[in-house]
């Protein structure tokens, strides 16, 4: 029985991206990769260039460690999205980060996801079939989230957990609706 590849650690991914001078942060990078994987024309997208912020024709090579990290993020996201376990999770800052950093990571991930979907052919969420359009519209709203200082940290943390769970399930649903089994990349 084959095991599903693990998602790289958030802090490790952040460090490698920063050391390479890439302005895309780890959560956003994973969001881009996931969005491209979910998109109907994602197989034709140069997702590495999107993550690295490279313009077409300017293919400066990523350091080997970063290239391996990005490939591992891609393999892991695809395996978790296409597996029978429905165990996809977005790469986000963990509990060892402040609540503000976690929310910022969440919004970064959502913006990256939307960018990846757009690059893969999803120009308008209203055109998506089934519940996928509603999920993408919700992700658009989540991408604009900010820390609500009127709520206690405990309430914010609980809300964050619920939003991440919604994302986890919603992204799985979008993948399944937009990627027929034979077309999965």
C-alpha atoms as a PDB file:
ATOM      1  CA  UNK A   1       0.000   0.000   0.000  1.00  0.00           C
ATOM      2  CA  UNK A   2       1.438   3.363  -1.059  1.00  0.00           C
ATOM      3  CA  UNK A   3       1.563   6.155   1.522  1.00  0.00           C
ATOM      4  CA  UNK A   4       0.462   9.704   0.793  1.00  0.00           C
ATOM      5  CA  UNK A   5       3.364  12.170   0.745  1.00  0.00           C
ATOM      6  CA  UNK A   6       3.520  14.483   3.725  1.00  0.00           C
ATOM      7  CA  UNK A   7       3.055  18.191   3.380  1.00  0.00           C
ATOM      8  CA  UNK A   8       6.346  20.017   4.051  1.00  0.00           C
ATOM      9  CA  UNK A   9       6.571  22.007   7.276  1.00  0.00           C
ATOM     10  CA  UNK A  10       5.333  25.604   7.042  1.00  0.00           C
ATOM     11  CA  UNK A  11       8.407  27.166   8.697  1.00  0.00           C
ATOM     12  CA  UNK A  12      10.799  25.159   6.506  1.00  0.00           C
ATOM     13  CA  UNK A  13       8.942  26.236   3.364  1.00  0.00           C
ATOM     14  CA  UNK A  14       8.919  29.857   4.551  1.00  0.00           C
ATOM     15  CA  UNK A  15      12.679  29.773   5.160  1.00  0.00           C
ATOM     16  CA  UNK A  16      13.517  28.268   1.755  1.00  0.00           C
ATOM     17  CA  UNK A  17      11.317  30.732  -0.117  1.00  0.00           C
ATOM     18  CA  UNK A  18      12.807  33.666   1.792  1.00  0.00           C
ATOM     19  CA  UNK A  19      16.407  32.483   1.291  1.00  0.00           C
ATOM     20  CA  UNK A  20      15.776  32.256  -2.464  1.00  0.00           C
ATOM     21  CA  UNK A  21      14.481  35.842  -2.520  1.00  0.00           C
ATOM     22  CA  UNK A  22      10.969  34.755  -3.474  1.00  0.00           C
ATOM     23  CA  UNK A  23       8.301  37.176  -2.266  1.00  0.00           C
ATOM     24  CA  UNK A  24       5.556  34.528  -2.324  1.00  0.00           C
ATOM     25  CA  UNK A  25       5.052  33.189   1.176  1.00  0.00           C
ATOM     26  CA  UNK A  26       4.606  29.502   2.024  1.00  0.00           C
ATOM     27  CA  UNK A  27       0.828  29.568   2.522  1.00  0.00           C
ATOM     28  CA  UNK A  28       0.314  31.513  -0.697  1.00  0.00           C
ATOM     29  CA  UNK A  29       2.624  29.141  -2.602  1.00  0.00           C
ATOM     30  CA  UNK A  30       0.616  26.134  -1.428  1.00  0.00           C
ATOM     31  CA  UNK A  31      -2.605  27.944  -2.308  1.00  0.00           C
ATOM     32  CA  UNK A  32      -1.344  28.622  -5.847  1.00  0.00           C
ATOM     33  CA  UNK A  33      -0.340  24.992  -6.301  1.00  0.00           C
ATOM     34  CA  UNK A  34      -3.692  23.772  -4.961  1.00  0.00           C
ATOM     35  CA  UNK A  35      -5.668  26.201  -7.130  1.00  0.00           C
ATOM     36  CA  UNK A  36      -3.816  25.089 -10.246  1.00  0.00           C
ATOM     37  CA  UNK A  37      -4.452  21.444  -9.357  1.00  0.00           C
ATOM     38  CA  UNK A  38      -8.170  22.143  -8.977  1.00  0.00           C
ATOM     39  CA  UNK A  39      -8.471  24.236 -12.150  1.00  0.00           C
ATOM     40  CA  UNK A  40      -9.870  22.628 -15.306  1.00  0.00           C
ATOM     41  CA  UNK A  41      -6.896  23.758 -17.430  1.00  0.00           C
ATOM     42  CA  UNK A  42      -4.356  23.539 -14.614  1.00  0.00           C
ATOM     43  CA  UNK A  43      -2.288  20.826 -16.283  1.00  0.00           C
ATOM     44  CA  UNK A  44      -1.064  23.396 -18.813  1.00  0.00           C
ATOM     45  CA  UNK A  45      -0.056  25.998 -16.229  1.00  0.00           C
ATOM     46  CA  UNK A  46       3.588  26.607 -15.314  1.00  0.00           C
ATOM     47  CA  UNK A  47       2.738  26.695 -11.609  1.00  0.00           C
ATOM     48  CA  UNK A  48       6.401  26.965 -10.575  1.00  0.00           C
ATOM     49  CA  UNK A  49       6.629  30.306 -12.398  1.00  0.00           C
ATOM     50  CA  UNK A  50       3.485  31.513 -10.611  1.00  0.00           C
ATOM     51  CA  UNK A  51       4.922  30.584  -7.222  1.00  0.00           C
ATOM     52  CA  UNK A  52       8.350  32.040  -7.954  1.00  0.00           C
ATOM     53  CA  UNK A  53       6.892  35.219  -9.433  1.00  0.00           C
ATOM     54  CA  UNK A  54       8.729  34.747 -12.703  1.00  0.00           C
ATOM     55  CA  UNK A  55       7.598  36.345 -15.905  1.00  0.00           C
ATOM     56  CA  UNK A  56       7.312  34.196 -19.000  1.00  0.00           C
ATOM     57  CA  UNK A  57      10.689  33.831 -20.640  1.00  0.00           C
ATOM     58  CA  UNK A  58      12.671  34.757 -17.517  1.00  0.00           C
ATOM     59  CA  UNK A  59      13.424  31.292 -16.184  1.00  0.00           C
ATOM     60  CA  UNK A  60      15.996  31.892 -13.510  1.00  0.00           C
ATOM     61  CA  UNK A  61      16.468  28.505 -11.877  1.00  0.00           C
ATOM     62  CA  UNK A  62      15.252  28.042  -8.324  1.00  0.00           C
ATOM     63  CA  UNK A  63      17.814  26.671  -5.862  1.00  0.00           C
ATOM     64  CA  UNK A  64      17.690  22.868  -5.752  1.00  0.00           C
ATOM     65  CA  UNK A  65      16.326  22.725  -2.205  1.00  0.00           C
ATOM     66  CA  UNK A  66      13.494  25.103  -3.132  1.00  0.00           C
ATOM     67  CA  UNK A  67      12.722  23.211  -6.344  1.00  0.00           C
ATOM     68  CA  UNK A  68      12.497  19.992  -4.316  1.00  0.00           C
ATOM     69  CA  UNK A  69      10.277  21.664  -1.725  1.00  0.00           C
ATOM     70  CA  UNK A  70       7.873  22.972  -4.373  1.00  0.00           C
ATOM     71  CA  UNK A  71       7.743  19.573  -6.064  1.00  0.00           C
ATOM     72  CA  UNK A  72       6.994  17.978  -2.675  1.00  0.00           C
ATOM     73  CA  UNK A  73       4.214  20.520  -2.044  1.00  0.00           C
ATOM     74  CA  UNK A  74       2.729  19.707  -5.452  1.00  0.00           C
ATOM     75  CA  UNK A  75       2.964  15.926  -4.946  1.00  0.00           C
ATOM     76  CA  UNK A  76       1.437  16.168  -1.488  1.00  0.00           C
ATOM     77  CA  UNK A  77      -1.423  18.449  -2.529  1.00  0.00           C
ATOM     78  CA  UNK A  78      -2.268  16.266  -5.516  1.00  0.00           C
ATOM     79  CA  UNK A  79      -2.080  13.029  -3.523  1.00  0.00           C
ATOM     80  CA  UNK A  80      -4.314  14.388  -0.769  1.00  0.00           C
ATOM     81  CA  UNK A  81      -6.838  15.895  -3.182  1.00  0.00           C
ATOM     82  CA  UNK A  82      -7.081  12.819  -5.388  1.00  0.00           C
ATOM     83  CA  UNK A  83      -6.888  10.214  -2.629  1.00  0.00           C
ATOM     84  CA  UNK A  84      -9.828   8.378  -1.139  1.00  0.00           C
ATOM     85  CA  UNK A  85      -9.068   9.589   2.390  1.00  0.00           C
ATOM     86  CA  UNK A  86     -10.281  13.191   1.797  1.00  0.00           C
ATOM     87  CA  UNK A  87      -7.433  14.369   4.035  1.00  0.00           C
ATOM     88  CA  UNK A  88      -6.354  17.525   2.220  1.00  0.00           C
ATOM     89  CA  UNK A  89      -5.194  20.378   4.465  1.00  0.00           C
ATOM     90  CA  UNK A  90      -3.927  23.823   3.474  1.00  0.00           C
ATOM     91  CA  UNK A  91      -0.344  24.697   4.454  1.00  0.00           C
ATOM     92  CA  UNK A  92      -0.799  27.361   7.123  1.00  0.00           C
ATOM     93  CA  UNK A  93       1.133  28.732  10.099  1.00  0.00           C
ATOM     94  CA  UNK A  94       0.592  26.519  13.132  1.00  0.00           C
ATOM     95  CA  UNK A  95      -0.376  27.217  16.727  1.00  0.00           C
ATOM     96  CA  UNK A  96       3.202  28.266  17.490  1.00  0.00           C
ATOM     97  CA  UNK A  97       2.487  31.423  15.444  1.00  0.00           C
ATOM     98  CA  UNK A  98       0.379  34.325  16.692  1.00  0.00           C
ATOM     99  CA  UNK A  99      -3.294  34.414  15.811  1.00  0.00           C
ATOM    100  CA  UNK A 100      -2.623  37.428  13.571  1.00  0.00           C
ATOM    101  CA  UNK A 101       0.052  35.437  11.675  1.00  0.00           C
ATOM    102  CA  UNK A 102      -2.320  32.493  11.325  1.00  0.00           C
ATOM    103  CA  UNK A 103      -5.062  34.701   9.890  1.00  0.00           C
ATOM    104  CA  UNK A 104      -2.576  36.384   7.560  1.00  0.00           C
ATOM    105  CA  UNK A 105      -1.441  32.931   6.405  1.00  0.00           C
ATOM    106  CA  UNK A 106      -5.069  31.939   5.826  1.00  0.00           C
ATOM    107  CA  UNK A 107      -5.737  34.997   3.666  1.00  0.00           C
ATOM    108  CA  UNK A 108      -2.447  34.451   1.797  1.00  0.00           C
ATOM    109  CA  UNK A 109      -3.444  30.842   1.107  1.00  0.00           C
ATOM    110  CA  UNK A 110      -6.868  31.899  -0.172  1.00  0.00           C
ATOM    111  CA  UNK A 111      -5.437  34.589  -2.464  1.00  0.00           C
ATOM    112  CA  UNK A 112      -2.927  32.071  -3.813  1.00  0.00           C
ATOM    113  CA  UNK A 113      -5.681  29.514  -4.376  1.00  0.00           C
ATOM    114  CA  UNK A 114      -7.797  32.017  -6.288  1.00  0.00           C
ATOM    115  CA  UNK A 115      -4.765  33.040  -8.365  1.00  0.00           C
ATOM    116  CA  UNK A 116      -4.039  29.382  -9.184  1.00  0.00           C
ATOM    117  CA  UNK A 117      -7.662  28.769 -10.184  1.00  0.00           C
ATOM    118  CA  UNK A 118      -7.626  31.884 -12.382  1.00  0.00           C
ATOM    119  CA  UNK A 119      -4.370  30.839 -14.053  1.00  0.00           C
ATOM    120  CA  UNK A 120      -5.958  27.437 -14.711  1.00  0.00           C
ATOM    121  CA  UNK A 121      -8.978  28.840 -16.496  1.00  0.00           C
ATOM    122  CA  UNK A 122     -11.483  29.736 -13.766  1.00  0.00           C
ATOM    123  CA  UNK A 123     -12.191  33.361 -14.671  1.00  0.00           C
ATOM    124  CA  UNK A 124     -15.569  33.696 -12.915  1.00  0.00           C
ATOM    125  CA  UNK A 125     -16.825  31.663  -9.980  1.00  0.00           C
ATOM    126  CA  UNK A 126     -20.423  32.077 -11.204  1.00  0.00           C
ATOM    127  CA  UNK A 127     -19.546  29.824 -14.137  1.00  0.00           C
ATOM    128  CA  UNK A 128     -18.498  26.903 -11.934  1.00  0.00           C
ATOM    129  CA  UNK A 129     -20.734  23.840 -11.669  1.00  0.00           C
ATOM    130  CA  UNK A 130     -22.583  22.726  -8.566  1.00  0.00           C
ATOM    131  CA  UNK A 131     -21.378  23.861  -5.178  1.00  0.00           C
ATOM    132  CA  UNK A 132     -17.911  24.707  -6.490  1.00  0.00           C
ATOM    133  CA  UNK A 133     -18.950  28.257  -7.358  1.00  0.00           C
ATOM    134  CA  UNK A 134     -20.296  28.885  -3.873  1.00  0.00           C
ATOM    135  CA  UNK A 135     -17.110  27.533  -2.281  1.00  0.00           C
ATOM    136  CA  UNK A 136     -14.919  29.732  -4.500  1.00  0.00           C
ATOM    137  CA  UNK A 137     -17.033  32.787  -3.687  1.00  0.00           C
ATOM    138  CA  UNK A 138     -16.649  31.973   0.024  1.00  0.00           C
ATOM    139  CA  UNK A 139     -12.884  31.615  -0.419  1.00  0.00           C
ATOM    140  CA  UNK A 140     -12.884  35.048  -2.065  1.00  0.00           C
ATOM    141  CA  UNK A 141     -14.548  36.481   1.050  1.00  0.00           C
ATOM    142  CA  UNK A 142     -12.139  34.609   3.342  1.00  0.00           C
ATOM    143  CA  UNK A 143      -9.201  36.061   1.382  1.00  0.00           C
ATOM    144  CA  UNK A 144     -10.251  39.475   2.705  1.00  0.00           C
ATOM    145  CA  UNK A 145     -10.441  38.402   6.371  1.00  0.00           C
ATOM    146  CA  UNK A 146      -8.842  40.441   9.107  1.00  0.00           C
ATOM    147  CA  UNK A 147      -8.345  39.919  12.801  1.00  0.00           C
ATOM    148  CA  UNK A 148     -11.471  41.074  14.657  1.00  0.00           C
ATOM    149  CA  UNK A 149     -10.183  42.903  17.714  1.00  0.00           C
ATOM    150  CA  UNK A 150     -13.687  42.965  19.228  1.00  0.00           C
ATOM    151  CA  UNK A 151     -13.570  39.198  19.699  1.00  0.00           C
ATOM    152  CA  UNK A 152     -11.530  37.402  22.330  1.00  0.00           C
ATOM    153  CA  UNK A 153      -8.527  35.461  21.064  1.00  0.00           C
ATOM    154  CA  UNK A 154     -10.264  32.235  22.044  1.00  0.00           C
ATOM    155  CA  UNK A 155     -13.292  33.075  19.876  1.00  0.00           C
ATOM    156  CA  UNK A 156     -11.052  34.089  16.969  1.00  0.00           C
ATOM    157  CA  UNK A 157      -9.028  30.883  17.303  1.00  0.00           C
ATOM    158  CA  UNK A 158     -12.210  28.775  17.317  1.00  0.00           C
ATOM    159  CA  UNK A 159     -13.513  30.639  14.248  1.00  0.00           C
ATOM    160  CA  UNK A 160     -10.185  30.098  12.495  1.00  0.00           C
ATOM    161  CA  UNK A 161     -10.380  26.344  13.113  1.00  0.00           C
ATOM    162  CA  UNK A 162     -13.895  26.255  11.642  1.00  0.00           C
ATOM    163  CA  UNK A 163     -12.823  28.261   8.580  1.00  0.00           C
ATOM    164  CA  UNK A 164      -9.828  25.995   7.954  1.00  0.00           C
ATOM    165  CA  UNK A 165     -12.100  22.943   8.176  1.00  0.00           C
ATOM    166  CA  UNK A 166     -14.505  24.564   5.708  1.00  0.00           C
ATOM    167  CA  UNK A 167     -11.583  25.284   3.367  1.00  0.00           C
ATOM    168  CA  UNK A 168     -10.324  21.729   3.662  1.00  0.00           C
ATOM    169  CA  UNK A 169     -13.682  20.239   2.699  1.00  0.00           C
ATOM    170  CA  UNK A 170     -14.588  22.979   0.211  1.00  0.00           C
ATOM    171  CA  UNK A 171     -11.348  22.688  -1.747  1.00  0.00           C
ATOM    172  CA  UNK A 172     -11.803  18.925  -1.898  1.00  0.00           C
ATOM    173  CA  UNK A 173     -15.292  19.475  -3.313  1.00  0.00           C
ATOM    174  CA  UNK A 174     -14.011  21.971  -5.925  1.00  0.00           C
ATOM    175  CA  UNK A 175     -11.312  19.507  -6.982  1.00  0.00           C
ATOM    176  CA  UNK A 176     -13.808  16.676  -7.345  1.00  0.00           C
ATOM    177  CA  UNK A 177     -16.287  18.812  -9.317  1.00  0.00           C
ATOM    178  CA  UNK A 178     -13.706  20.330 -11.678  1.00  0.00           C
ATOM    179  CA  UNK A 179     -11.406  17.343 -12.162  1.00  0.00           C
ATOM    180  CA  UNK A 180     -13.002  14.314 -13.750  1.00  0.00           C
ATOM    181  CA  UNK A 181     -10.963  11.239 -12.724  1.00  0.00           C
ATOM    182  CA  UNK A 182      -9.443  10.758 -16.205  1.00  0.00           C
ATOM    183  CA  UNK A 183      -8.281  14.402 -16.441  1.00  0.00           C
ATOM    184  CA  UNK A 184      -6.553  14.698 -13.087  1.00  0.00           C
ATOM    185  CA  UNK A 185      -2.983  16.004 -13.348  1.00  0.00           C
END
